[in-house]
Amino acid sequence: MTGRPAEVLLARHGETEWSRTLRHTGRTDVPLTGEGRRQAEALRPVLDRRDLSRVLSSPLSRAADTCRLAGLGDRAELREDLVEWDYGDYEGRTTADIRTERPGWQVWRDGCPGGETIEQLGVRADSVVADLRGTDGAVAVFAHGHVLRVLAARWMGLPAVAGALLALSTATVSVLGWERETAVVRQWNVPPGALGE
């Protein structure tokens, strides 16, 4: 059907030192670890089985390198809208550390001073969703944990904050698609070797 992709594959980047230590990693361009590079390479056989019409990626190196190591770097369209949430003053800090100053703090509810609101992140995700819905065929999207969670929520027509309900590990693949005319999540947070056809 025109304007309705068969599927959207969301690939979160591989491990970085900051993701491993649970530090909020927004705009800081932290590279993949050796393990993150291995994780990215493990995505290649999964994505090789797909007939992709497009490949989108965040321009930050951890996502772009994951895309390249997965064998799709030469096809990637870099999209600023796929950059991770701007955590402002909380960039590089862990939730536990932030809670020493703000007990009970939650990024989804309380946001980040000096950074981007969840609503602003939702607007960026809406731009990507509109683009995806205007593309025929399957699309792979390489990006970051929070922005991909928000993108999935907006795909389904839920508020951006509903991304809080969709935990997402590094180097996993999730599949968005359709059930008749309803936008759905077909698979979520799947390690590459366990992804079904």
C-alpha atoms as a PDB file:
ATOM      1  CA  MET A   1       0.000   0.000   0.000  1.00  0.00           C
ATOM      2  CA  THR A   2       1.441   3.376  -0.991  1.00  0.00           C
ATOM      3  CA  GLY A   3       2.743   5.462   1.907  1.00  0.00           C
ATOM      4  CA  ARG A   4       2.729   2.545   4.328  1.00  0.00           C
ATOM      5  CA  PRO A   5       6.069   0.831   4.976  1.00  0.00           C
ATOM      6  CA  ALA A   6       5.965  -2.934   5.318  1.00  0.00           C
ATOM      7  CA  GLU A   7       8.005  -2.574   8.494  1.00  0.00           C
ATOM      8  CA  VAL A   8      10.264  -0.180  10.373  1.00  0.00           C
ATOM      9  CA  LEU A   9      13.266  -1.755  12.067  1.00  0.00           C
ATOM     10  CA  LEU A  10      14.582   0.270  14.990  1.00  0.00           C
ATOM     11  CA  ALA A  11      18.184  -0.507  15.942  1.00  0.00           C
ATOM     12  CA  ARG A  12      19.621   0.983  19.101  1.00  0.00           C
ATOM     13  CA  HIS A  13      23.369   1.607  18.934  1.00  0.00           C
ATOM     14  CA  GLY A  14      25.847  -0.776  20.538  1.00  0.00           C
ATOM     15  CA  GLU A  15      27.337  -0.376  23.984  1.00  0.00           C
ATOM     16  CA  THR A  16      29.324   2.721  24.935  1.00  0.00           C
ATOM     17  CA  GLU A  17      31.202   3.321  28.159  1.00  0.00           C
ATOM     18  CA  TRP A  18      28.451   5.705  29.233  1.00  0.00           C
ATOM     19  CA  SER A  19      25.582   3.324  28.395  1.00  0.00           C
ATOM     20  CA  ARG A  20      27.406   0.562  30.275  1.00  0.00           C
ATOM     21  CA  THR A  21      27.696   2.780  33.368  1.00  0.00           C
ATOM     22  CA  LEU A  22      24.106   4.118  33.007  1.00  0.00           C
ATOM     23  CA  ARG A  23      25.134   7.732  32.373  1.00  0.00           C
ATOM     24  CA  HIS A  24      22.653   9.914  30.484  1.00  0.00           C
ATOM     25  CA  THR A  25      24.181  10.233  27.027  1.00  0.00           C
ATOM     26  CA  GLY A  26      22.433  12.802  24.893  1.00  0.00           C
ATOM     27  CA  ARG A  27      24.463  15.066  22.618  1.00  0.00           C
ATOM     28  CA  THR A  28      27.907  13.956  23.826  1.00  0.00           C
ATOM     29  CA  ASP A  29      29.484  11.908  21.037  1.00  0.00           C
ATOM     30  CA  VAL A  30      30.680   8.880  23.015  1.00  0.00           C
ATOM     31  CA  PRO A  31      32.200   6.093  20.876  1.00  0.00           C
ATOM     32  CA  LEU A  32      31.287   2.424  20.893  1.00  0.00           C
ATOM     33  CA  THR A  33      33.271   0.115  23.165  1.00  0.00           C
ATOM     34  CA  GLY A  34      34.853  -3.049  21.755  1.00  0.00           C
ATOM     35  CA  GLU A  35      31.756  -4.910  22.918  1.00  0.00           C
ATOM     36  CA  GLY A  36      29.563  -2.282  21.264  1.00  0.00           C
ATOM     37  CA  ARG A  37      31.384  -2.848  17.979  1.00  0.00           C
ATOM     38  CA  ARG A  38      30.847  -6.612  18.255  1.00  0.00           C
ATOM     39  CA  GLN A  39      27.165  -6.021  19.019  1.00  0.00           C
ATOM     40  CA  ALA A  40      26.835  -3.787  15.971  1.00  0.00           C
ATOM     41  CA  GLU A  41      28.452  -6.400  13.722  1.00  0.00           C
ATOM     42  CA  ALA A  42      25.964  -8.986  15.040  1.00  0.00           C
ATOM     43  CA  LEU A  43      23.155  -6.896  13.522  1.00  0.00           C
ATOM     44  CA  ARG A  44      24.488  -7.466   9.991  1.00  0.00           C
ATOM     45  CA  PRO A  45      22.999 -10.959   9.348  1.00  0.00           C
ATOM     46  CA  VAL A  46      19.608  -9.834  10.653  1.00  0.00           C
ATOM     47  CA  LEU A  47      19.511  -6.784   8.407  1.00  0.00           C
ATOM     48  CA  ASP A  48      20.974  -8.623   5.410  1.00  0.00           C
ATOM     49  CA  ARG A  49      17.761 -10.693   5.335  1.00  0.00           C
ATOM     50  CA  ARG A  50      15.627  -7.589   4.882  1.00  0.00           C
ATOM     51  CA  ASP A  51      14.867  -5.828   1.616  1.00  0.00           C
ATOM     52  CA  LEU A  52      15.308  -2.265   2.862  1.00  0.00           C
ATOM     53  CA  SER A  53      14.114   0.683   0.822  1.00  0.00           C
ATOM     54  CA  ARG A  54      15.818   3.226   3.115  1.00  0.00           C
ATOM     55  CA  VAL A  55      18.232   3.495   6.025  1.00  0.00           C
ATOM     56  CA  LEU A  56      18.084   6.419   8.476  1.00  0.00           C
ATOM     57  CA  SER A  57      20.618   7.154  11.203  1.00  0.00           C
ATOM     58  CA  SER A  58      21.409   9.659  13.893  1.00  0.00           C
ATOM     59  CA  PRO A  59      24.614  11.494  12.931  1.00  0.00           C
ATOM     60  CA  LEU A  60      26.208  10.798  16.342  1.00  0.00           C
ATOM     61  CA  SER A  61      29.058   8.312  15.948  1.00  0.00           C
ATOM     62  CA  ARG A  62      27.661   5.609  18.239  1.00  0.00           C
ATOM     63  CA  ALA A  63      24.597   5.271  15.989  1.00  0.00           C
ATOM     64  CA  ALA A  64      26.324   5.969  12.661  1.00  0.00           C
ATOM     65  CA  ASP A  65      29.106   3.487  13.489  1.00  0.00           C
ATOM     66  CA  THR A  66      26.538   0.861  14.504  1.00  0.00           C
ATOM     67  CA  CYS A  67      24.865   1.400  11.133  1.00  0.00           C
ATOM     68  CA  ARG A  68      28.205   1.108   9.310  1.00  0.00           C
ATOM     69  CA  LEU A  69      29.276  -2.024  11.217  1.00  0.00           C
ATOM     70  CA  ALA A  70      25.871  -3.563  10.479  1.00  0.00           C
ATOM     71  CA  GLY A  71      26.690  -3.148   6.786  1.00  0.00           C
ATOM     72  CA  LEU A  72      24.420  -0.233   5.942  1.00  0.00           C
ATOM     73  CA  GLY A  73      26.602   2.841   6.392  1.00  0.00           C
ATOM     74  CA  ASP A  74      26.881   3.539   2.672  1.00  0.00           C
ATOM     75  CA  ARG A  75      23.080   3.826   2.441  1.00  0.00           C
ATOM     76  CA  ALA A  76      22.445   5.875   5.574  1.00  0.00           C
ATOM     77  CA  GLU A  77      20.588   9.187   5.484  1.00  0.00           C
ATOM     78  CA  LEU A  78      21.776  11.134   8.531  1.00  0.00           C
ATOM     79  CA  ARG A  79      18.886  12.775  10.394  1.00  0.00           C
ATOM     80  CA  GLU A  80      19.317  15.384  13.142  1.00  0.00           C
ATOM     81  CA  ASP A  81      15.809  14.496  14.362  1.00  0.00           C
ATOM     82  CA  LEU A  82      17.227  11.118  15.475  1.00  0.00           C
ATOM     83  CA  VAL A  83      19.826  12.595  17.853  1.00  0.00           C
ATOM     84  CA  GLU A  84      19.235  11.520  21.450  1.00  0.00           C
ATOM     85  CA  TRP A  85      17.294  13.565  24.027  1.00  0.00           C
ATOM     86  CA  ASP A  86      19.176  16.691  25.095  1.00  0.00           C
ATOM     87  CA  TYR A  87      19.655  16.091  28.835  1.00  0.00           C
ATOM     88  CA  GLY A  88      20.997  19.587  29.470  1.00  0.00           C
ATOM     89  CA  ASP A  89      22.510  19.894  32.950  1.00  0.00           C
ATOM     90  CA  TYR A  90      22.091  16.149  33.502  1.00  0.00           C
ATOM     91  CA  GLU A  91      24.263  15.107  30.554  1.00  0.00           C
ATOM     92  CA  GLY A  92      26.763  12.471  31.643  1.00  0.00           C
ATOM     93  CA  ARG A  93      25.160  11.915  35.052  1.00  0.00           C
ATOM     94  CA  THR A  94      23.462   8.790  36.354  1.00  0.00           C
ATOM     95  CA  THR A  95      19.937   8.725  37.737  1.00  0.00           C
ATOM     96  CA  ALA A  96      21.325   7.738  41.154  1.00  0.00           C
ATOM     97  CA  ASP A  97      23.604  10.790  41.155  1.00  0.00           C
ATOM     98  CA  ILE A  98      20.819  13.153  40.092  1.00  0.00           C
ATOM     99  CA  ARG A  99      18.577  11.780  42.852  1.00  0.00           C
ATOM    100  CA  THR A 100      21.085  12.889  45.498  1.00  0.00           C
ATOM    101  CA  GLU A 101      19.955  16.432  44.588  1.00  0.00           C
ATOM    102  CA  ARG A 102      16.394  15.637  43.454  1.00  0.00           C
ATOM    103  CA  PRO A 103      15.024  12.628  45.355  1.00  0.00           C
ATOM    104  CA  GLY A 104      12.579  10.599  43.278  1.00  0.00           C
ATOM    105  CA  TRP A 105      13.594  12.296  40.010  1.00  0.00           C
ATOM    106  CA  GLN A 106      12.410  10.606  36.798  1.00  0.00           C
ATOM    107  CA  VAL A 107      13.530  11.830  33.385  1.00  0.00           C
ATOM    108  CA  TRP A 108      10.139  11.092  31.777  1.00  0.00           C
ATOM    109  CA  ARG A 109       8.176  13.032  34.394  1.00  0.00           C
ATOM    110  CA  ASP A 110      10.593  15.697  35.590  1.00  0.00           C
ATOM    111  CA  GLY A 111      12.738  16.470  32.549  1.00  0.00           C
ATOM    112  CA  CYS A 112      16.178  18.014  32.502  1.00  0.00           C
ATOM    113  CA  PRO A 113      17.057  21.617  33.364  1.00  0.00           C
ATOM    114  CA  GLY A 114      18.801  23.306  30.477  1.00  0.00           C
ATOM    115  CA  GLY A 115      17.779  20.511  28.129  1.00  0.00           C
ATOM    116  CA  GLU A 116      14.934  19.424  25.918  1.00  0.00           C
ATOM    117  CA  THR A 117      11.395  18.737  27.153  1.00  0.00           C
ATOM    118  CA  ILE A 118       9.652  15.455  26.394  1.00  0.00           C
ATOM    119  CA  GLU A 119       7.248  17.429  24.216  1.00  0.00           C
ATOM    120  CA  GLN A 120      10.137  18.811  22.139  1.00  0.00           C
ATOM    121  CA  LEU A 121      11.518  15.311  21.726  1.00  0.00           C
ATOM    122  CA  GLY A 122       8.041  14.199  20.640  1.00  0.00           C
ATOM    123  CA  VAL A 123       7.952  16.864  17.921  1.00  0.00           C
ATOM    124  CA  ARG A 124      11.258  15.553  16.547  1.00  0.00           C
ATOM    125  CA  ALA A 125       9.927  11.995  16.627  1.00  0.00           C
ATOM    126  CA  ASP A 126       6.749  13.119  14.827  1.00  0.00           C
ATOM    127  CA  SER A 127       8.880  14.434  11.969  1.00  0.00           C
ATOM    128  CA  VAL A 128      10.528  11.027  11.574  1.00  0.00           C
ATOM    129  CA  VAL A 129       7.197   9.174  11.833  1.00  0.00           C
ATOM    130  CA  ALA A 130       5.700  11.367   9.103  1.00  0.00           C
ATOM    131  CA  ASP A 131       8.686  10.594   6.886  1.00  0.00           C
ATOM    132  CA  LEU A 132       8.423   6.848   7.584  1.00  0.00           C
ATOM    133  CA  ARG A 133       4.734   6.818   6.780  1.00  0.00           C
ATOM    134  CA  GLY A 134       5.483   8.455   3.450  1.00  0.00           C
ATOM    135  CA  THR A 135       7.984   5.733   2.473  1.00  0.00           C
ATOM    136  CA  ASP A 136       7.139   2.539   0.618  1.00  0.00           C
ATOM    137  CA  GLY A 137       8.939  -0.565   1.800  1.00  0.00           C
ATOM    138  CA  ALA A 138      10.966  -1.467   4.864  1.00  0.00           C
ATOM    139  CA  VAL A 139      13.161   1.098   6.619  1.00  0.00           C
ATOM    140  CA  ALA A 140      15.966   0.604   9.155  1.00  0.00           C
ATOM    141  CA  VAL A 141      16.452   3.375  11.731  1.00  0.00           C
ATOM    142  CA  PHE A 142      19.653   3.557  13.825  1.00  0.00           C
ATOM    143  CA  ALA A 143      19.488   5.808  16.861  1.00  0.00           C
ATOM    144  CA  HIS A 144      19.438   5.988  20.667  1.00  0.00           C
ATOM    145  CA  GLY A 145      17.407   4.572  23.528  1.00  0.00           C
ATOM    146  CA  HIS A 146      15.102   7.415  24.516  1.00  0.00           C
ATOM    147  CA  VAL A 147      14.491   8.881  21.063  1.00  0.00           C
ATOM    148  CA  LEU A 148      13.609   5.412  19.703  1.00  0.00           C
ATOM    149  CA  ARG A 149      11.228   4.799  22.615  1.00  0.00           C
ATOM    150  CA  VAL A 150       9.486   8.103  21.904  1.00  0.00           C
ATOM    151  CA  LEU A 151       9.413   7.360  18.178  1.00  0.00           C
ATOM    152  CA  ALA A 152       7.664   4.028  18.858  1.00  0.00           C
ATOM    153  CA  ALA A 153       5.114   5.696  21.127  1.00  0.00           C
ATOM    154  CA  ARG A 154       4.364   8.364  18.521  1.00  0.00           C
ATOM    155  CA  TRP A 155       4.186   5.673  15.772  1.00  0.00           C
ATOM    156  CA  MET A 156       1.269   4.170  17.719  1.00  0.00           C
ATOM    157  CA  GLY A 157      -0.347   7.570  18.299  1.00  0.00           C
ATOM    158  CA  LEU A 158       0.502   7.623  22.013  1.00  0.00           C
ATOM    159  CA  PRO A 159       1.903  10.668  23.826  1.00  0.00           C
ATOM    160  CA  ALA A 160       5.701  10.937  23.799  1.00  0.00           C
ATOM    161  CA  VAL A 161       5.855  10.191  27.534  1.00  0.00           C
ATOM    162  CA  ALA A 162       4.476   6.685  26.814  1.00  0.00           C
ATOM    163  CA  GLY A 163       8.000   5.843  25.677  1.00  0.00           C
ATOM    164  CA  ALA A 164       8.703   5.386  29.393  1.00  0.00           C
ATOM    165  CA  LEU A 165       6.870   2.050  29.127  1.00  0.00           C
ATOM    166  CA  LEU A 166       9.194   0.666  26.430  1.00  0.00           C
ATOM    167  CA  ALA A 167      12.550  -0.389  27.907  1.00  0.00           C
ATOM    168  CA  LEU A 168      15.232  -0.676  25.238  1.00  0.00           C
ATOM    169  CA  SER A 169      18.655  -2.312  25.542  1.00  0.00           C
ATOM    170  CA  THR A 170      21.733  -1.538  23.457  1.00  0.00           C
ATOM    171  CA  ALA A 171      22.171  -3.321  20.104  1.00  0.00           C
ATOM    172  CA  THR A 172      18.635  -4.653  19.985  1.00  0.00           C
ATOM    173  CA  VAL A 173      16.166  -4.522  17.139  1.00  0.00           C
ATOM    174  CA  SER A 174      12.494  -3.616  17.396  1.00  0.00           C
ATOM    175  CA  VAL A 175       9.943  -3.796  14.608  1.00  0.00           C
ATOM    176  CA  LEU A 176       7.109  -1.358  14.015  1.00  0.00           C
ATOM    177  CA  GLY A 177       4.427  -2.197  11.507  1.00  0.00           C
ATOM    178  CA  TRP A 178       0.739  -2.401  10.827  1.00  0.00           C
ATOM    179  CA  GLU A 179      -2.203  -4.580  11.753  1.00  0.00           C
ATOM    180  CA  ARG A 180      -4.631  -3.650   9.034  1.00  0.00           C
ATOM    181  CA  GLU A 181      -4.878   0.156   9.400  1.00  0.00           C
ATOM    182  CA  THR A 182      -3.533   0.274  12.974  1.00  0.00           C
ATOM    183  CA  ALA A 183       0.110   1.198  13.640  1.00  0.00           C
ATOM    184  CA  VAL A 184       1.547  -1.394  16.032  1.00  0.00           C
ATOM    185  CA  VAL A 185       4.741  -2.691  17.634  1.00  0.00           C
ATOM    186  CA  ARG A 186       5.394  -6.147  16.130  1.00  0.00           C
ATOM    187  CA  GLN A 187       8.540  -6.981  18.136  1.00  0.00           C
ATOM    188  CA  TRP A 188      10.377  -5.070  20.837  1.00  0.00           C
ATOM    189  CA  ASN A 189      13.867  -5.055  22.360  1.00  0.00           C
ATOM    190  CA  VAL A 190      14.965  -8.263  20.632  1.00  0.00           C
ATOM    191  CA  PRO A 191      18.613  -9.374  20.562  1.00  0.00           C
ATOM    192  CA  PRO A 192      19.672  -9.851  16.912  1.00  0.00           C
ATOM    193  CA  GLY A 193      19.911 -13.661  17.070  1.00  0.00           C
ATOM    194  CA  ALA A 194      16.375 -13.963  18.432  1.00  0.00           C
ATOM    195  CA  LEU A 195      14.642 -11.732  15.892  1.00  0.00           C
ATOM    196  CA  GLY A 196      11.923 -13.575  13.972  1.00  0.00           C
ATOM    197  CA  GLU A 197      11.168 -13.158  10.313  1.00  0.00           C
END
